[in-house]
N, C-alpha and C. Protein backbone atom coordinates (compact mmCIF):
# COMPACT_ATOMS: atom_id res chain seq x y z
N MET A 1 20.27 11.37 3.76
CA MET A 1 20.39 10.05 3.21
C MET A 1 18.93 9.34 3.23
N ILE A 2 18.39 9.32 4.36
CA ILE A 2 17.14 8.68 4.45
C ILE A 2 15.97 9.50 3.88
N SER A 3 16.18 10.78 3.84
CA SER A 3 15.12 11.56 3.02
C SER A 3 15.10 11.31 1.49
N ALA A 4 16.33 11.19 0.94
CA ALA A 4 16.55 10.78 -0.37
C ALA A 4 15.97 9.39 -0.70
N LEU A 5 16.03 8.51 0.18
CA LEU A 5 15.59 7.11 -0.01
C LEU A 5 14.10 7.22 0.00
N LEU A 6 13.48 7.89 0.98
CA LEU A 6 11.99 8.00 0.98
C LEU A 6 11.27 8.72 -0.13
N LEU A 7 12.13 9.50 -0.79
CA LEU A 7 11.49 10.15 -2.06
C LEU A 7 11.84 9.48 -3.20
N ASN A 8 12.49 8.27 -3.31
CA ASN A 8 12.93 7.59 -4.46
C ASN A 8 11.80 6.56 -4.87
N ILE A 9 11.41 6.70 -6.12
CA ILE A 9 10.30 5.85 -6.58
C ILE A 9 10.60 4.46 -6.47
N HIS A 10 11.80 4.20 -6.92
CA HIS A 10 12.33 2.64 -6.97
C HIS A 10 12.28 2.06 -5.64
N PHE A 11 12.70 2.83 -4.58
CA PHE A 11 12.62 2.22 -3.12
C PHE A 11 11.16 1.71 -2.81
N TRP A 12 10.09 2.65 -3.17
CA TRP A 12 8.72 2.24 -2.79
C TRP A 12 8.27 1.07 -3.75
N LEU A 13 8.58 1.08 -4.96
CA LEU A 13 8.31 0.01 -5.87
C LEU A 13 8.81 -1.39 -5.42
N ILE A 14 10.15 -1.46 -5.09
CA ILE A 14 10.73 -2.60 -4.72
C ILE A 14 10.26 -3.11 -3.34
N LEU A 15 9.97 -2.16 -2.36
CA LEU A 15 9.36 -2.46 -1.24
C LEU A 15 8.04 -2.96 -1.35
N GLY A 16 7.30 -2.40 -2.10
CA GLY A 16 5.86 -2.97 -2.38
C GLY A 16 5.70 -4.33 -3.02
N LEU A 17 6.68 -4.60 -4.05
CA LEU A 17 6.66 -5.86 -4.67
C LEU A 17 7.21 -7.03 -3.72
N VAL A 18 8.33 -6.63 -2.94
CA VAL A 18 8.87 -7.56 -2.06
C VAL A 18 7.82 -8.01 -0.93
N LEU A 19 7.01 -7.09 -0.42
CA LEU A 19 6.11 -7.24 0.67
C LEU A 19 4.98 -8.19 0.03
N ILE A 20 4.52 -7.80 -1.17
CA ILE A 20 3.41 -8.50 -1.73
C ILE A 20 3.83 -10.04 -2.02
N ILE A 21 5.05 -10.12 -2.61
CA ILE A 21 5.53 -11.52 -2.88
C ILE A 21 5.66 -12.40 -1.59
N LEU A 22 6.25 -11.70 -0.64
CA LEU A 22 6.54 -12.35 0.68
C LEU A 22 5.19 -12.90 1.29
N ASP A 23 4.25 -12.00 1.18
CA ASP A 23 2.83 -12.18 1.77
C ASP A 23 2.19 -13.50 0.95
N ILE A 24 2.39 -13.52 -0.26
CA ILE A 24 1.74 -14.48 -1.09
C ILE A 24 2.46 -15.86 -0.96
N PHE A 25 3.88 -15.86 -1.01
CA PHE A 25 4.59 -17.06 -1.11
C PHE A 25 4.92 -17.71 0.29
N ILE A 26 5.36 -16.75 1.27
CA ILE A 26 5.47 -17.31 2.63
C ILE A 26 4.32 -17.35 3.41
N GLY A 27 3.39 -16.80 3.23
CA GLY A 27 2.06 -16.95 3.88
C GLY A 27 1.93 -16.18 5.18
N PHE A 28 2.08 -14.85 5.07
CA PHE A 28 1.86 -13.98 6.26
C PHE A 28 0.37 -13.71 6.60
N ASN A 29 -0.47 -14.60 5.85
CA ASN A 29 -1.94 -14.46 6.08
C ASN A 29 -2.46 -13.05 5.87
N PHE A 30 -2.19 -12.49 4.77
CA PHE A 30 -2.56 -11.05 4.37
C PHE A 30 -2.19 -10.08 5.42
N PHE A 31 -0.99 -10.22 6.16
CA PHE A 31 -0.64 -9.31 7.14
C PHE A 31 0.19 -8.21 6.45
N VAL A 32 1.02 -8.39 5.55
CA VAL A 32 1.85 -7.45 5.03
C VAL A 32 1.38 -6.84 3.56
N LEU A 33 0.30 -7.69 3.12
CA LEU A 33 -0.18 -7.18 1.76
C LEU A 33 -0.79 -5.74 1.71
N PRO A 34 -1.56 -5.29 2.66
CA PRO A 34 -1.89 -3.79 2.58
C PRO A 34 -0.75 -2.95 2.57
N ILE A 35 0.26 -3.33 3.35
CA ILE A 35 1.44 -2.41 3.33
C ILE A 35 2.24 -2.38 2.10
N GLY A 36 2.26 -3.49 1.36
CA GLY A 36 2.69 -3.53 -0.01
C GLY A 36 1.95 -2.82 -0.99
N VAL A 37 0.67 -2.90 -0.87
CA VAL A 37 -0.26 -2.12 -1.77
C VAL A 37 0.02 -0.69 -1.44
N ALA A 38 0.11 -0.15 -0.28
CA ALA A 38 0.32 1.26 -0.14
C ALA A 38 1.64 1.66 -0.58
N SER A 39 2.65 0.85 -0.51
CA SER A 39 3.90 1.25 -1.05
C SER A 39 3.90 1.35 -2.60
N LEU A 40 3.11 0.51 -3.24
CA LEU A 40 2.85 0.75 -4.61
C LEU A 40 2.25 1.97 -5.01
N LEU A 41 1.36 2.32 -4.17
CA LEU A 41 0.57 3.56 -4.41
C LEU A 41 1.29 4.75 -4.07
N VAL A 42 2.23 4.72 -3.07
CA VAL A 42 3.14 5.88 -2.86
C VAL A 42 4.12 6.06 -3.98
N SER A 43 4.61 4.86 -4.55
CA SER A 43 5.47 5.19 -5.73
C SER A 43 4.82 5.82 -6.92
N GLY A 44 3.48 5.40 -7.13
CA GLY A 44 2.61 6.07 -8.14
C GLY A 44 2.53 7.50 -7.88
N MET A 45 2.27 7.86 -6.64
CA MET A 45 2.01 9.17 -6.20
C MET A 45 3.31 10.01 -6.32
N ILE A 46 4.55 9.46 -6.03
CA ILE A 46 5.73 10.18 -6.30
C ILE A 46 6.03 10.39 -7.80
N GLN A 47 5.75 9.27 -8.53
CA GLN A 47 5.86 9.51 -10.01
C GLN A 47 5.14 10.53 -10.61
N LEU A 48 3.90 10.70 -10.19
CA LEU A 48 2.94 11.62 -10.65
C LEU A 48 3.40 12.97 -10.45
N GLN A 49 3.91 13.17 -9.18
CA GLN A 49 4.32 14.61 -8.67
C GLN A 49 5.57 14.87 -9.41
N THR A 50 6.56 13.90 -9.54
CA THR A 50 7.88 14.29 -10.16
C THR A 50 7.77 14.51 -11.50
N ALA A 51 6.79 13.87 -12.25
CA ALA A 51 6.53 14.12 -13.68
C ALA A 51 5.74 15.40 -14.02
N GLY A 52 5.35 15.98 -12.95
CA GLY A 52 4.55 17.18 -13.06
C GLY A 52 3.09 17.09 -13.56
N LEU A 53 2.49 15.92 -13.35
CA LEU A 53 1.24 15.56 -13.88
C LEU A 53 0.20 16.02 -12.84
N THR A 54 0.51 16.56 -11.69
CA THR A 54 -0.51 17.02 -10.73
C THR A 54 -0.78 18.44 -10.76
N GLY A 55 0.03 19.24 -11.77
CA GLY A 55 -0.32 20.79 -11.86
C GLY A 55 0.17 21.47 -10.70
N ASN A 56 -0.60 22.33 -10.17
CA ASN A 56 -0.16 23.09 -9.03
C ASN A 56 -0.48 22.31 -7.61
N TRP A 57 -1.24 21.24 -7.74
CA TRP A 57 -1.46 20.54 -6.54
C TRP A 57 -0.38 19.64 -6.27
N GLN A 58 0.01 19.63 -5.03
CA GLN A 58 1.16 18.76 -4.48
C GLN A 58 0.48 17.71 -3.50
N PHE A 59 1.21 16.49 -3.67
CA PHE A 59 0.84 15.39 -2.71
C PHE A 59 1.62 15.68 -1.40
N TYR A 60 2.83 15.94 -1.63
CA TYR A 60 3.73 16.18 -0.46
C TYR A 60 4.87 17.21 -0.81
N ALA A 61 5.43 17.82 0.43
CA ALA A 61 6.31 18.73 0.31
C ALA A 61 7.78 18.24 0.65
N ASP A 62 7.82 17.21 1.45
CA ASP A 62 9.13 16.53 1.88
C ASP A 62 8.84 15.09 2.22
N TRP A 63 9.91 14.57 2.71
CA TRP A 63 9.83 13.06 3.07
C TRP A 63 8.87 12.81 4.14
N GLN A 64 8.61 13.83 5.00
CA GLN A 64 7.58 13.53 6.13
C GLN A 64 6.17 13.41 5.43
N GLY A 65 5.94 14.18 4.53
CA GLY A 65 4.51 14.14 3.75
C GLY A 65 4.50 12.83 3.15
N VAL A 66 5.48 12.26 2.57
CA VAL A 66 5.46 10.86 1.87
C VAL A 66 5.09 9.97 3.07
N GLY A 67 5.79 10.04 4.33
CA GLY A 67 5.45 9.15 5.32
C GLY A 67 4.05 9.15 5.86
N TYR A 68 3.52 10.35 5.79
CA TYR A 68 2.00 10.60 6.16
C TYR A 68 1.16 9.76 5.11
N TRP A 69 1.40 9.96 4.00
CA TRP A 69 0.64 9.40 2.91
C TRP A 69 0.79 7.83 3.04
N PHE A 70 1.96 7.31 3.24
CA PHE A 70 2.11 5.88 3.45
C PHE A 70 1.37 5.34 4.47
N ALA A 71 1.38 6.02 5.72
CA ALA A 71 0.65 5.59 6.73
C ALA A 71 -0.89 5.59 6.48
N GLY A 72 -1.36 6.64 5.97
CA GLY A 72 -2.69 6.76 5.72
C GLY A 72 -3.21 5.79 4.62
N LEU A 73 -2.39 5.59 3.54
CA LEU A 73 -2.71 4.51 2.56
C LEU A 73 -2.72 3.11 3.11
N SER A 74 -1.70 2.93 4.10
CA SER A 74 -1.60 1.56 4.64
C SER A 74 -3.04 1.30 5.46
N ILE A 75 -3.41 2.24 6.28
CA ILE A 75 -4.49 1.96 7.07
C ILE A 75 -5.83 1.96 6.16
N ALA A 76 -5.94 2.69 5.14
CA ALA A 76 -7.05 2.62 4.21
C ALA A 76 -7.02 1.29 3.51
N SER A 77 -5.82 0.81 2.95
CA SER A 77 -5.81 -0.51 2.44
C SER A 77 -6.11 -1.68 3.28
N VAL A 78 -5.68 -1.54 4.52
CA VAL A 78 -6.19 -2.64 5.48
C VAL A 78 -7.66 -2.66 5.61
N GLY A 79 -8.28 -1.54 5.77
CA GLY A 79 -9.68 -1.44 5.78
C GLY A 79 -10.42 -2.02 4.62
N LEU A 80 -9.95 -1.59 3.42
CA LEU A 80 -10.54 -2.18 2.22
C LEU A 80 -10.31 -3.57 1.93
N LEU A 81 -9.17 -4.14 2.29
CA LEU A 81 -8.92 -5.57 2.19
C LEU A 81 -9.74 -6.36 3.20
N ARG A 82 -9.91 -5.88 4.31
CA ARG A 82 -10.73 -6.56 5.33
C ARG A 82 -12.17 -6.64 4.98
N LEU A 83 -12.59 -5.51 4.50
CA LEU A 83 -14.00 -5.33 3.99
C LEU A 83 -14.24 -6.30 2.78
N PHE A 84 -13.31 -6.31 1.88
CA PHE A 84 -13.49 -7.19 0.74
C PHE A 84 -13.35 -8.69 1.08
N PHE A 85 -12.55 -9.08 2.04
CA PHE A 85 -12.52 -10.50 2.35
C PHE A 85 -13.57 -10.95 3.36
N GLN A 86 -14.16 -9.99 4.11
CA GLN A 86 -15.22 -10.46 5.00
C GLN A 86 -16.54 -10.58 4.08
N ARG A 87 -16.69 -9.80 3.18
CA ARG A 87 -17.78 -10.05 2.15
C ARG A 87 -17.72 -11.30 1.46
N LYS A 88 -16.60 -11.72 1.19
CA LYS A 88 -16.42 -12.99 0.47
C LYS A 88 -16.66 -14.10 1.45
N ARG A 89 -16.23 -14.09 2.65
CA ARG A 89 -16.46 -15.18 3.59
C ARG A 89 -17.93 -15.14 4.02
N ALA A 90 -18.56 -14.08 4.00
CA ALA A 90 -20.07 -14.09 4.34
C ALA A 90 -20.83 -14.80 3.33
N ALA A 91 -20.41 -14.84 2.11
CA ALA A 91 -21.09 -15.49 1.04
C ALA A 91 -21.03 -16.98 1.07
N GLN A 92 -20.03 -17.46 1.59
CA GLN A 92 -19.72 -18.87 1.72
C GLN A 92 -20.54 -19.44 2.81
N GLN A 93 -21.07 -20.67 2.75
CA GLN A 93 -21.79 -21.25 3.70
C GLN A 93 -20.81 -22.10 4.69
N ASP A 94 -21.08 -22.03 5.84
CA ASP A 94 -20.38 -22.82 6.86
C ASP A 94 -20.64 -24.39 6.79
N ILE A 95 -19.73 -25.28 6.77
CA ILE A 95 -20.07 -26.70 6.65
C ILE A 95 -20.45 -27.15 8.05
N ASN A 96 -20.17 -26.36 9.15
CA ASN A 96 -20.52 -26.83 10.46
C ASN A 96 -21.93 -26.19 10.79
N ASP A 97 -22.67 -25.59 9.88
CA ASP A 97 -23.89 -25.10 10.13
C ASP A 97 -24.91 -26.17 9.90
N TYR A 98 -25.69 -26.63 11.02
CA TYR A 98 -26.66 -27.67 10.97
C TYR A 98 -27.96 -27.22 11.04
């Protein structure tokens, strides 16, 4: 049952949207935003493979492969979002700077 759920495109899409909406409206301070982005990317990856658009190359073979991709994409999106927001903060002047 869990393996069918982890291979379901709709599960990852709903999970991603819920996490992004919670992060924006409840204010988790960008804590779950990268995980939501990774969920949306995993749903796209599953869609590409099930539609046969990847040719002979496979993203995953089973639900464990999807879990590895999700973990890797979560870590990568944390790094990218942190890099993006740190550059934005560095460009702003501090009002306490005398």
